[in-house]
C-alpha atoms as a PDB file:
ATOM      1  CA  MET A   1       0.313   0.135   0.222  1.00  0.00           C
ATOM      2  CA  LEU A   2       1.039   3.383  -0.548  1.00  0.00           C
ATOM      3  CA  ARG A   3       2.626   4.838   2.644  1.00  0.00           C
ATOM      4  CA  LEU A   4       0.421   7.885   4.432  1.00  0.00           C
ATOM      5  CA  LEU A   5       3.821   9.642   4.848  1.00  0.00           C
ATOM      6  CA  ILE A   6       5.022   6.516   6.994  1.00  0.00           C
ATOM      7  CA  PRO A   7       6.416   3.442   5.363  1.00  0.00           C
ATOM      8  CA  VAL A   8       3.304   4.020   1.127  1.00  0.00           C
ATOM      9  CA  LEU A   9      14.693  -4.188 -22.010  1.00  0.00           C
ATOM     10  CA  LEU A  10      16.158  -1.183 -19.721  1.00  0.00           C
ATOM     11  CA  ALA A  11      17.310   1.300 -23.292  1.00  0.00           C
ATOM     12  CA  ALA A  12      14.549   4.417 -24.170  1.00  0.00           C
ATOM     13  CA  GLY A  13      16.029   3.017 -27.509  1.00  0.00           C
ATOM     14  CA  ALA A  14      14.151  -0.360 -26.970  1.00  0.00           C
ATOM     15  CA  LEU A  15      12.010  -0.617 -29.923  1.00  0.00           C
ATOM     16  CA  SER A  16       9.644  -3.767 -28.057  1.00  0.00           C
ATOM     17  CA  CYS A  17       8.395  -1.517 -24.990  1.00  0.00           C
ATOM     18  CA  GLY A  18       5.970   1.362 -24.088  1.00  0.00           C
ATOM     19  CA  THR A  19       4.271   0.403 -27.378  1.00  0.00           C
ATOM     20  CA  PRO A  20       0.632  -0.809 -26.196  1.00  0.00           C
ATOM     21  CA  ILE A  21      -1.839  -2.457 -29.052  1.00  0.00           C
ATOM     22  CA  TYR A  22      -4.412  -1.480 -27.141  1.00  0.00           C
ATOM     23  CA  ALA A  23      -4.177   3.218 -27.208  1.00  0.00           C
ATOM     24  CA  PRO A  24      -5.168   3.784 -23.827  1.00  0.00           C
ATOM     25  CA  SER A  25      -7.698   6.861 -22.991  1.00  0.00           C
ATOM     26  CA  THR A  26      -5.598  10.312 -22.452  1.00  0.00           C
ATOM     27  CA  ARG A  27      -9.428  12.295 -21.659  1.00  0.00           C
ATOM     28  CA  VAL A  28      -9.411  11.614 -17.263  1.00  0.00           C
ATOM     29  CA  VAL A  29     -10.525  14.720 -15.318  1.00  0.00           C
ATOM     30  CA  ASN A  30     -10.260  12.283 -11.811  1.00  0.00           C
ATOM     31  CA  GLY A  31      -9.524   8.550 -12.576  1.00  0.00           C
ATOM     32  CA  GLU A  32     -11.347   6.344 -14.698  1.00  0.00           C
ATOM     33  CA  ASP A  33     -11.068   2.384 -15.661  1.00  0.00           C
ATOM     34  CA  THR A  34      -8.918   2.132 -18.429  1.00  0.00           C
ATOM     35  CA  VAL A  35      -9.314   0.916 -21.677  1.00  0.00           C
ATOM     36  CA  PRO A  36      -8.570  -3.039 -21.514  1.00  0.00           C
ATOM     37  CA  HIS A  37      -4.791  -3.455 -21.738  1.00  0.00           C
ATOM     38  CA  SER A  38      -4.081  -0.700 -22.991  1.00  0.00           C
ATOM     39  CA  TRP A  39      -0.651  -0.310 -19.552  1.00  0.00           C
ATOM     40  CA  PRO A  40       0.218  -4.523 -20.935  1.00  0.00           C
ATOM     41  CA  TRP A  41       3.506  -3.458 -18.374  1.00  0.00           C
ATOM     42  CA  GLN A  42       1.633  -3.035 -15.520  1.00  0.00           C
ATOM     43  CA  ILE A  43       1.354  -5.947 -13.157  1.00  0.00           C
ATOM     44  CA  SER A  44      -0.247  -7.281 -10.021  1.00  0.00           C
ATOM     45  CA  LEU A  45       1.647  -7.941  -7.070  1.00  0.00           C
ATOM     46  CA  GLN A  46       0.244 -10.344  -4.965  1.00  0.00           C
ATOM     47  CA  TYR A  47       1.079 -12.092  -1.556  1.00  0.00           C
ATOM     48  CA  GLU A  48      -0.012 -15.642   0.031  1.00  0.00           C
ATOM     49  CA  LYS A  49      -2.627 -15.624   3.014  1.00  0.00           C
ATOM     50  CA  ASP A  50      -4.535 -18.430   4.283  1.00  0.00           C
ATOM     51  CA  GLY A  51      -4.067 -20.254   0.918  1.00  0.00           C
ATOM     52  CA  ALA A  52      -4.668 -17.450  -0.796  1.00  0.00           C
ATOM     53  CA  PHE A  53      -2.669 -14.795  -3.294  1.00  0.00           C
ATOM     54  CA  ARG A  54      -4.391 -10.853  -2.761  1.00  0.00           C
ATOM     55  CA  HIS A  55      -3.335  -7.710  -4.229  1.00  0.00           C
ATOM     56  CA  THR A  56      -1.571  -5.642  -2.514  1.00  0.00           C
ATOM     57  CA  CYS A  57       1.408  -3.079  -4.698  1.00  0.00           C
ATOM     58  CA  GLY A  58       1.675  -2.358  -8.440  1.00  0.00           C
ATOM     59  CA  GLY A  59       4.590  -2.687 -10.427  1.00  0.00           C
ATOM     60  CA  THR A  60       6.306  -2.592 -13.773  1.00  0.00           C
ATOM     61  CA  LEU A  61       7.426  -5.348 -15.818  1.00  0.00           C
ATOM     62  CA  ILE A  62      11.190  -4.440 -17.011  1.00  0.00           C
ATOM     63  CA  ALA A  63      12.009  -7.554 -19.296  1.00  0.00           C
ATOM     64  CA  PRO A  64      10.421 -10.772 -19.716  1.00  0.00           C
ATOM     65  CA  ALA A  65      11.862 -12.074 -16.635  1.00  0.00           C
ATOM     66  CA  TRP A  66      11.467  -8.428 -14.455  1.00  0.00           C
ATOM     67  CA  VAL A  67       9.592  -6.869 -12.422  1.00  0.00           C
ATOM     68  CA  MET A  68       9.671  -3.262 -10.319  1.00  0.00           C
ATOM     69  CA  THR A  69       8.250  -2.171  -7.764  1.00  0.00           C
ATOM     70  CA  ALA A  70       8.845  -0.689  -4.964  1.00  0.00           C
ATOM     71  CA  ALA A  71      11.382  -1.583  -1.766  1.00  0.00           C
ATOM     72  CA  HIS A  72       8.215  -0.620   1.099  1.00  0.00           C
ATOM     73  CA  CYS A  73       5.838  -3.669  -0.729  1.00  0.00           C
ATOM     74  CA  ILE A  74       8.298  -6.070  -0.195  1.00  0.00           C
ATOM     75  CA  SER A  75       8.135  -8.156   3.343  1.00  0.00           C
ATOM     76  CA  ALA A  76      10.209 -10.358   4.239  1.00  0.00           C
ATOM     77  CA  SER A  77       7.984 -12.738   5.745  1.00  0.00           C
ATOM     78  CA  ARG A  78       6.026 -13.032   2.289  1.00  0.00           C
ATOM     79  CA  THR A  79       5.756 -15.287  -0.174  1.00  0.00           C
ATOM     80  CA  TYR A  80       4.920 -14.036  -3.687  1.00  0.00           C
ATOM     81  CA  GLN A  81       3.273 -13.451  -7.063  1.00  0.00           C
ATOM     82  CA  VAL A  82       2.842 -12.271 -10.261  1.00  0.00           C
ATOM     83  CA  VAL A  83      -0.058 -12.008 -12.483  1.00  0.00           C
ATOM     84  CA  LEU A  84       0.523  -9.643 -15.790  1.00  0.00           C
ATOM     85  CA  GLY A  85      -2.332  -9.595 -17.881  1.00  0.00           C
ATOM     86  CA  GLU A  86      -4.777  -8.539 -15.839  1.00  0.00           C
ATOM     87  CA  HIS A  87      -7.568  -5.729 -15.528  1.00  0.00           C
ATOM     88  CA  ASP A  88     -10.784  -6.557 -14.128  1.00  0.00           C
ATOM     89  CA  ARG A  89      -9.625  -8.646 -10.579  1.00  0.00           C
ATOM     90  CA  SER A  90     -12.829  -9.849 -10.620  1.00  0.00           C
ATOM     91  CA  VAL A  91     -12.697 -12.327 -13.651  1.00  0.00           C
ATOM     92  CA  ALA A  92     -10.913 -14.474 -15.346  1.00  0.00           C
ATOM     93  CA  GLU A  93     -10.155 -13.411 -18.449  1.00  0.00           C
ATOM     94  CA  GLY A  94      -8.180 -16.045 -20.416  1.00  0.00           C
ATOM     95  CA  THR A  95      -5.560 -12.919 -20.542  1.00  0.00           C
ATOM     96  CA  GLU A  96      -3.891 -13.347 -17.076  1.00  0.00           C
ATOM     97  CA  GLN A  97      -0.153 -15.483 -16.381  1.00  0.00           C
ATOM     98  CA  HIS A  98       0.631 -15.647 -12.737  1.00  0.00           C
ATOM     99  CA  ILE A  99       4.291 -16.630 -12.152  1.00  0.00           C
ATOM    100  CA  PRO A 100       5.255 -17.066  -7.937  1.00  0.00           C
ATOM    101  CA  VAL A 101       8.741 -15.180  -6.997  1.00  0.00           C
ATOM    102  CA  ASN A 102      11.186 -17.222  -5.045  1.00  0.00           C
ATOM    103  CA  SER A 103      12.268 -14.839  -1.861  1.00  0.00           C
ATOM    104  CA  GLN A 104      15.622 -15.273  -2.851  1.00  0.00           C
ATOM    105  CA  ASP A 105      15.160 -12.895  -6.200  1.00  0.00           C
ATOM    106  CA  ILE A 106      13.465 -10.705  -4.411  1.00  0.00           C
ATOM    107  CA  PHE A 107      16.844  -7.328  -4.243  1.00  0.00           C
ATOM    108  CA  VAL A 108      15.827  -4.831  -2.538  1.00  0.00           C
ATOM    109  CA  HIS A 109      17.601  -1.332  -2.733  1.00  0.00           C
ATOM    110  CA  PRO A 110      20.754  -1.238  -0.375  1.00  0.00           C
ATOM    111  CA  GLY A 111      19.753   2.462   0.593  1.00  0.00           C
ATOM    112  CA  TRP A 112      16.812   1.326   1.329  1.00  0.00           C
ATOM    113  CA  ASN A 113      15.400   2.116   5.310  1.00  0.00           C
ATOM    114  CA  SER A 114      11.610   0.684   6.580  1.00  0.00           C
ATOM    115  CA  PHE A 115      11.586   3.314   9.058  1.00  0.00           C
ATOM    116  CA  CYS A 116      12.113   6.498   6.481  1.00  0.00           C
ATOM    117  CA  VAL A 117      10.650   6.647   3.610  1.00  0.00           C
ATOM    118  CA  ALA A 118      11.321   9.874   2.952  1.00  0.00           C
ATOM    119  CA  CYS A 119      15.201   8.840   2.774  1.00  0.00           C
ATOM    120  CA  GLY A 120      13.851   7.314  -0.463  1.00  0.00           C
ATOM    121  CA  ASN A 121      15.901   4.356  -2.334  1.00  0.00           C
ATOM    122  CA  ASP A 122      11.929   3.356  -2.550  1.00  0.00           C
ATOM    123  CA  VAL A 123      13.094   0.654  -5.440  1.00  0.00           C
ATOM    124  CA  ALA A 124      12.704  -3.042  -5.690  1.00  0.00           C
ATOM    125  CA  LEU A 125      13.058  -5.602  -8.046  1.00  0.00           C
ATOM    126  CA  LEU A 126      11.652  -9.280  -8.188  1.00  0.00           C
ATOM    127  CA  LYS A 127      13.027 -11.540 -10.731  1.00  0.00           C
ATOM    128  CA  LEU A 128      10.299 -14.004 -12.209  1.00  0.00           C
ATOM    129  CA  SER A 129      10.962 -17.912 -11.577  1.00  0.00           C
ATOM    130  CA  ARG A 130      10.268 -18.216 -15.163  1.00  0.00           C
ATOM    131  CA  ASP A 131       9.621 -15.127 -18.139  1.00  0.00           C
ATOM    132  CA  ALA A 132       6.673 -13.952 -18.904  1.00  0.00           C
ATOM    133  CA  ALA A 133       5.229 -14.649 -22.118  1.00  0.00           C
ATOM    134  CA  LEU A 134       4.680 -11.699 -24.366  1.00  0.00           C
ATOM    135  CA  SER A 135       1.311 -11.475 -25.748  1.00  0.00           C
ATOM    136  CA  ASP A 136      -0.628  -7.986 -27.112  1.00  0.00           C
ATOM    137  CA  SER A 137      -1.868  -8.002 -22.967  1.00  0.00           C
ATOM    138  CA  VAL A 138       1.335  -8.662 -21.979  1.00  0.00           C
ATOM    139  CA  GLN A 139       4.916  -5.979 -22.857  1.00  0.00           C
ATOM    140  CA  LEU A 140       7.614  -4.356 -21.533  1.00  0.00           C
ATOM    141  CA  GLY A 141       7.461  -1.201 -20.015  1.00  0.00           C
ATOM    142  CA  CYS A 142      10.564   1.029 -21.495  1.00  0.00           C
ATOM    143  CA  LEU A 143      12.463   3.108 -18.960  1.00  0.00           C
ATOM    144  CA  PRO A 144      13.553   6.686 -19.516  1.00  0.00           C
ATOM    145  CA  PRO A 145      16.897   7.847 -20.651  1.00  0.00           C
ATOM    146  CA  PRO A 146      19.278   7.773 -17.368  1.00  0.00           C
ATOM    147  CA  GLY A 147      18.927  11.386 -15.099  1.00  0.00           C
ATOM    148  CA  GLN A 148      16.332  12.668 -17.035  1.00  0.00           C
ATOM    149  CA  VAL A 149      14.091  14.926 -14.995  1.00  0.00           C
ATOM    150  CA  LEU A 150      10.650  16.226 -16.365  1.00  0.00           C
ATOM    151  CA  PRO A 151       9.935  19.716 -17.085  1.00  0.00           C
ATOM    152  CA  ASN A 152       6.631  21.351 -14.388  1.00  0.00           C
ATOM    153  CA  ASP A 153       3.022  20.258 -15.815  1.00  0.00           C
ATOM    154  CA  TYR A 154       4.435  17.335 -17.708  1.00  0.00           C
ATOM    155  CA  PRO A 155       1.422  14.922 -18.567  1.00  0.00           C
ATOM    156  CA  CYS A 156       1.972  12.017 -16.615  1.00  0.00           C
ATOM    157  CA  TYR A 157      -0.500   8.786 -16.142  1.00  0.00           C
ATOM    158  CA  VAL A 158      -0.536   6.743 -12.670  1.00  0.00           C
ATOM    159  CA  THR A 159      -2.342   3.815 -13.333  1.00  0.00           C
ATOM    160  CA  GLY A 160      -3.241   0.858 -10.172  1.00  0.00           C
ATOM    161  CA  TRP A 161      -5.867  -1.069  -8.360  1.00  0.00           C
ATOM    162  CA  GLY A 162      -5.039   1.527  -5.587  1.00  0.00           C
ATOM    163  CA  ARG A 163      -8.140   2.794  -3.422  1.00  0.00           C
ATOM    164  CA  LEU A 164     -10.372   5.086  -5.255  1.00  0.00           C
ATOM    165  CA  TYR A 165     -10.195   7.629  -2.394  1.00  0.00           C
ATOM    166  CA  THR A 166      -9.090   7.521   0.709  1.00  0.00           C
ATOM    167  CA  SER A 167      -9.922   4.552   3.021  1.00  0.00           C
ATOM    168  CA  GLY A 168     -12.356   4.155  -0.064  1.00  0.00           C
ATOM    169  CA  PRO A 169     -12.657   0.678  -1.973  1.00  0.00           C
ATOM    170  CA  LEU A 170      -9.882  -1.165  -3.777  1.00  0.00           C
ATOM    171  CA  PRO A 171     -11.785  -0.966  -7.491  1.00  0.00           C
ATOM    172  CA  ASP A 172     -11.929  -4.663  -9.549  1.00  0.00           C
ATOM    173  CA  LYS A 173     -10.852  -2.522 -12.641  1.00  0.00           C
ATOM    174  CA  LEU A 174      -7.284  -0.995 -13.049  1.00  0.00           C
ATOM    175  CA  GLN A 175      -8.163   2.539 -12.460  1.00  0.00           C
ATOM    176  CA  GLN A 176      -5.414   5.824 -14.454  1.00  0.00           C
ATOM    177  CA  ALA A 177      -5.431   9.304 -13.515  1.00  0.00           C
ATOM    178  CA  LEU A 178      -3.621  12.153 -15.327  1.00  0.00           C
ATOM    179  CA  LEU A 179      -0.767  13.562 -12.593  1.00  0.00           C
ATOM    180  CA  PRO A 180       1.229  16.329 -14.310  1.00  0.00           C
ATOM    181  CA  VAL A 181       4.699  15.993 -13.411  1.00  0.00           C
ATOM    182  CA  VAL A 182       4.885  18.813 -10.057  1.00  0.00           C
ATOM    183  CA  ASP A 183       8.841  19.846 -10.674  1.00  0.00           C
ATOM    184  CA  TYR A 184      11.703  20.097  -7.453  1.00  0.00           C
ATOM    185  CA  ALA A 185      11.212  23.565  -7.660  1.00  0.00           C
ATOM    186  CA  HIS A 186       7.580  23.549  -5.957  1.00  0.00           C
ATOM    187  CA  CYS A 187       7.359  20.713  -4.620  1.00  0.00           C
ATOM    188  CA  SER A 188       9.757  21.456  -2.261  1.00  0.00           C
ATOM    189  CA  GLN A 189       8.592  24.749  -0.980  1.00  0.00           C
ATOM    190  CA  ALA A 190       7.994  24.574   3.112  1.00  0.00           C
ATOM    191  CA  ASP A 191       4.178  24.561   1.993  1.00  0.00           C
ATOM    192  CA  TRP A 192       4.110  21.654  -0.297  1.00  0.00           C
ATOM    193  CA  TRP A 193       6.571  19.376   0.944  1.00  0.00           C
ATOM    194  CA  GLY A 194       9.612  20.637   2.005  1.00  0.00           C
ATOM    195  CA  GLY A 195      12.530  18.560   2.565  1.00  0.00           C
ATOM    196  CA  THR A 196      10.435  15.318   2.228  1.00  0.00           C
ATOM    197  CA  VAL A 197      10.820  15.370  -1.109  1.00  0.00           C
ATOM    198  CA  LYS A 198      14.481  14.475  -2.669  1.00  0.00           C
ATOM    199  CA  GLU A 199      15.873  15.041  -6.136  1.00  0.00           C
ATOM    200  CA  SER A 200      16.179  11.174  -6.476  1.00  0.00           C
ATOM    201  CA  MET A 201      11.872  11.655  -6.193  1.00  0.00           C
ATOM    202  CA  VAL A 202       9.239  12.588  -8.562  1.00  0.00           C
ATOM    203  CA  CYS A 203       5.911  14.784  -7.648  1.00  0.00           C
ATOM    204  CA  ALA A 204       3.434  14.445  -9.906  1.00  0.00           C
ATOM    205  CA  GLY A 205      -0.730  15.448  -9.298  1.00  0.00           C
ATOM    206  CA  GLY A 206      -1.982  16.168  -5.624  1.00  0.00           C
ATOM    207  CA  ASP A 207      -5.163  17.676  -4.995  1.00  0.00           C
ATOM    208  CA  ILE A 208      -8.640  16.011  -6.324  1.00  0.00           C
ATOM    209  CA  ARG A 209      -5.466  13.824  -8.965  1.00  0.00           C
ATOM    210  CA  SER A 210      -3.546  11.209  -6.991  1.00  0.00           C
ATOM    211  CA  GLY A 211      -1.623   7.344  -6.068  1.00  0.00           C
ATOM    212  CA  CYS A 212      -3.766   5.893  -3.195  1.00  0.00           C
ATOM    213  CA  ASN A 213      -3.387   2.855  -1.164  1.00  0.00           C
ATOM    214  CA  GLY A 214      -2.847  -0.283  -3.432  1.00  0.00           C
ATOM    215  CA  ASP A 215      -1.346   1.269  -6.291  1.00  0.00           C
ATOM    216  CA  SER A 216       2.004   1.597  -4.421  1.00  0.00           C
ATOM    217  CA  GLY A 217       5.050   0.183  -6.926  1.00  0.00           C
ATOM    218  CA  GLY A 218       2.972   0.864 -10.294  1.00  0.00           C
ATOM    219  CA  PRO A 219       4.608   3.252 -12.712  1.00  0.00           C
ATOM    220  CA  LEU A 220       4.015   6.899 -13.880  1.00  0.00           C
ATOM    221  CA  ASN A 221       3.513   6.506 -17.436  1.00  0.00           C
ATOM    222  CA  CYS A 222       4.615   9.801 -19.149  1.00  0.00           C
ATOM    223  CA  ARG A 223       4.634   9.210 -23.502  1.00  0.00           C
ATOM    224  CA  ALA A 224       8.259  10.741 -24.996  1.00  0.00           C
ATOM    225  CA  SER A 225       8.354  12.328 -28.311  1.00  0.00           C
ATOM    226  CA  ASP A 226       8.378   9.120 -30.565  1.00  0.00           C
ATOM    227  CA  GLY A 227       5.192   8.203 -29.137  1.00  0.00           C
ATOM    228  CA  ARG A 228       6.624   5.710 -26.855  1.00  0.00           C
ATOM    229  CA  TRP A 229       5.305   5.667 -23.097  1.00  0.00           C
ATOM    230  CA  GLN A 230       8.043   5.286 -20.611  1.00  0.00           C
ATOM    231  CA  VAL A 231       7.687   4.643 -16.870  1.00  0.00           C
ATOM    232  CA  HIS A 232       9.359   7.307 -14.843  1.00  0.00           C
ATOM    233  CA  GLY A 233       7.840   7.035 -11.822  1.00  0.00           C
ATOM    234  CA  ILE A 234       7.507   3.713  -9.089  1.00  0.00           C
ATOM    235  CA  ALA A 235       4.122   4.943  -6.888  1.00  0.00           C
ATOM    236  CA  SER A 236       5.941   5.749  -3.043  1.00  0.00           C
ATOM    237  CA  PHE A 237       3.839   7.834  -0.954  1.00  0.00           C
ATOM    238  CA  VAL A 238       0.819  10.073  -0.360  1.00  0.00           C
ATOM    239  CA  SER A 239       0.292  12.248   2.615  1.00  0.00           C
ATOM    240  CA  SER A 240      -0.891  11.446   5.889  1.00  0.00           C
ATOM    241  CA  ARG A 241      -3.889  14.195   5.731  1.00  0.00           C
ATOM    242  CA  GLY A 242      -5.607  11.481   2.305  1.00  0.00           C
ATOM    243  CA  CYS A 243      -4.386  11.059  -1.213  1.00  0.00           C
ATOM    244  CA  ASN A 244      -6.104  13.977  -2.688  1.00  0.00           C
ATOM    245  CA  ALA A 245      -4.276  16.485  -0.026  1.00  0.00           C
ATOM    246  CA  LEU A 246      -3.511  19.729  -1.521  1.00  0.00           C
ATOM    247  CA  LYS A 247      -0.656  21.095  -2.511  1.00  0.00           C
ATOM    248  CA  LYS A 248       0.652  17.358  -1.404  1.00  0.00           C
ATOM    249  CA  PRO A 249       1.372  15.507  -4.767  1.00  0.00           C
ATOM    250  CA  THR A 250       1.761  11.955  -4.594  1.00  0.00           C
ATOM    251  CA  VAL A 251       5.108  10.941  -4.393  1.00  0.00           C
ATOM    252  CA  PHE A 252       7.185   8.201  -6.864  1.00  0.00           C
ATOM    253  CA  THR A 253      10.745   6.878  -6.287  1.00  0.00           C
ATOM    254  CA  ARG A 254      12.403   8.779  -9.594  1.00  0.00           C
ATOM    255  CA  VAL A 255      13.700   5.983 -12.311  1.00  0.00           C
ATOM    256  CA  SER A 256      16.163   7.723 -14.075  1.00  0.00           C
ATOM    257  CA  ALA A 257      17.670   7.839 -10.666  1.00  0.00           C
ATOM    258  CA  PHE A 258      18.355   4.266 -10.432  1.00  0.00           C
ATOM    259  CA  GLU A 259      18.942   2.923 -13.615  1.00  0.00           C
ATOM    260  CA  ASP A 260      22.838   2.200 -12.823  1.00  0.00           C
ATOM    261  CA  TRP A 261      21.590   0.027 -10.295  1.00  0.00           C
ATOM    262  CA  ILE A 262      18.609  -1.512 -12.392  1.00  0.00           C
ATOM    263  CA  SER A 263      21.150  -2.053 -14.780  1.00  0.00           C
ATOM    264  CA  GLU A 264      23.550  -4.063 -12.214  1.00  0.00           C
ATOM    265  CA  THR A 265      21.273  -5.861 -10.388  1.00  0.00           C
ATOM    266  CA  MET A 266      19.695  -7.748 -13.474  1.00  0.00           C
ATOM    267  CA  ALA A 267      23.017  -8.032 -14.951  1.00  0.00           C
ATOM    268  CA  ASN A 268      24.416  -9.926 -11.806  1.00  0.00           C
ATOM    269  CA  HIS A 269      21.606 -12.201 -11.706  1.00  0.00           C
ATOM    270  CA  ALA A 270      21.143 -13.226 -14.950  1.00  0.00           C
END
């Protein structure tokens, strides 16, 4: 879940990522149901409890055997699986792939501190026990160029099965919402997030549009100039005042700040 301020193919030029077969709708004011499978790199991270798996976080398929999510989504005491090709969690649609994740194949950033979400480094990688079968409903997400920082008000979309509003229900169907980027100069102002937000993070949305509990680990999708979608953020935390607090945009781990670690981790555990 998104912490309420308490712990909530890599190359940008790869041709096989960021181009969904089913085009996303871009007419969003608040959140809405997505076009089915229009964000085919979105995954549901699920943990086992009482013999059944339950949704806990989102994530992004970045290579056939690798998923990127938030570090705060991971607990050493839990058993996880990843579900790809999901849209409506209430029905079996025939497109889903359920792939277990072995405990030794979970890699949390070494700088992550579960007692200090504002310290950053909220990123983890999961190596799947088998490769995902890529299809119209399961595709790879693109990562942005290393170090890239988007300008203020750049249009991006958060996607996930998180709560529809503070303390509200979890939706069955994947949701999306337009979240324009709030640059560091604005987001770090004293009456916004102040020193809580770091330059290795990216803020987006705020007020009536935000991520919420259950969206954690999921992507902030931003369209590049070549038309492909890139995942610029990993949903990390929202305000303790709720998911839609004024001047408290959703805070994401900035993916472009961690691409060296991502590349090295995948190469070292190929």
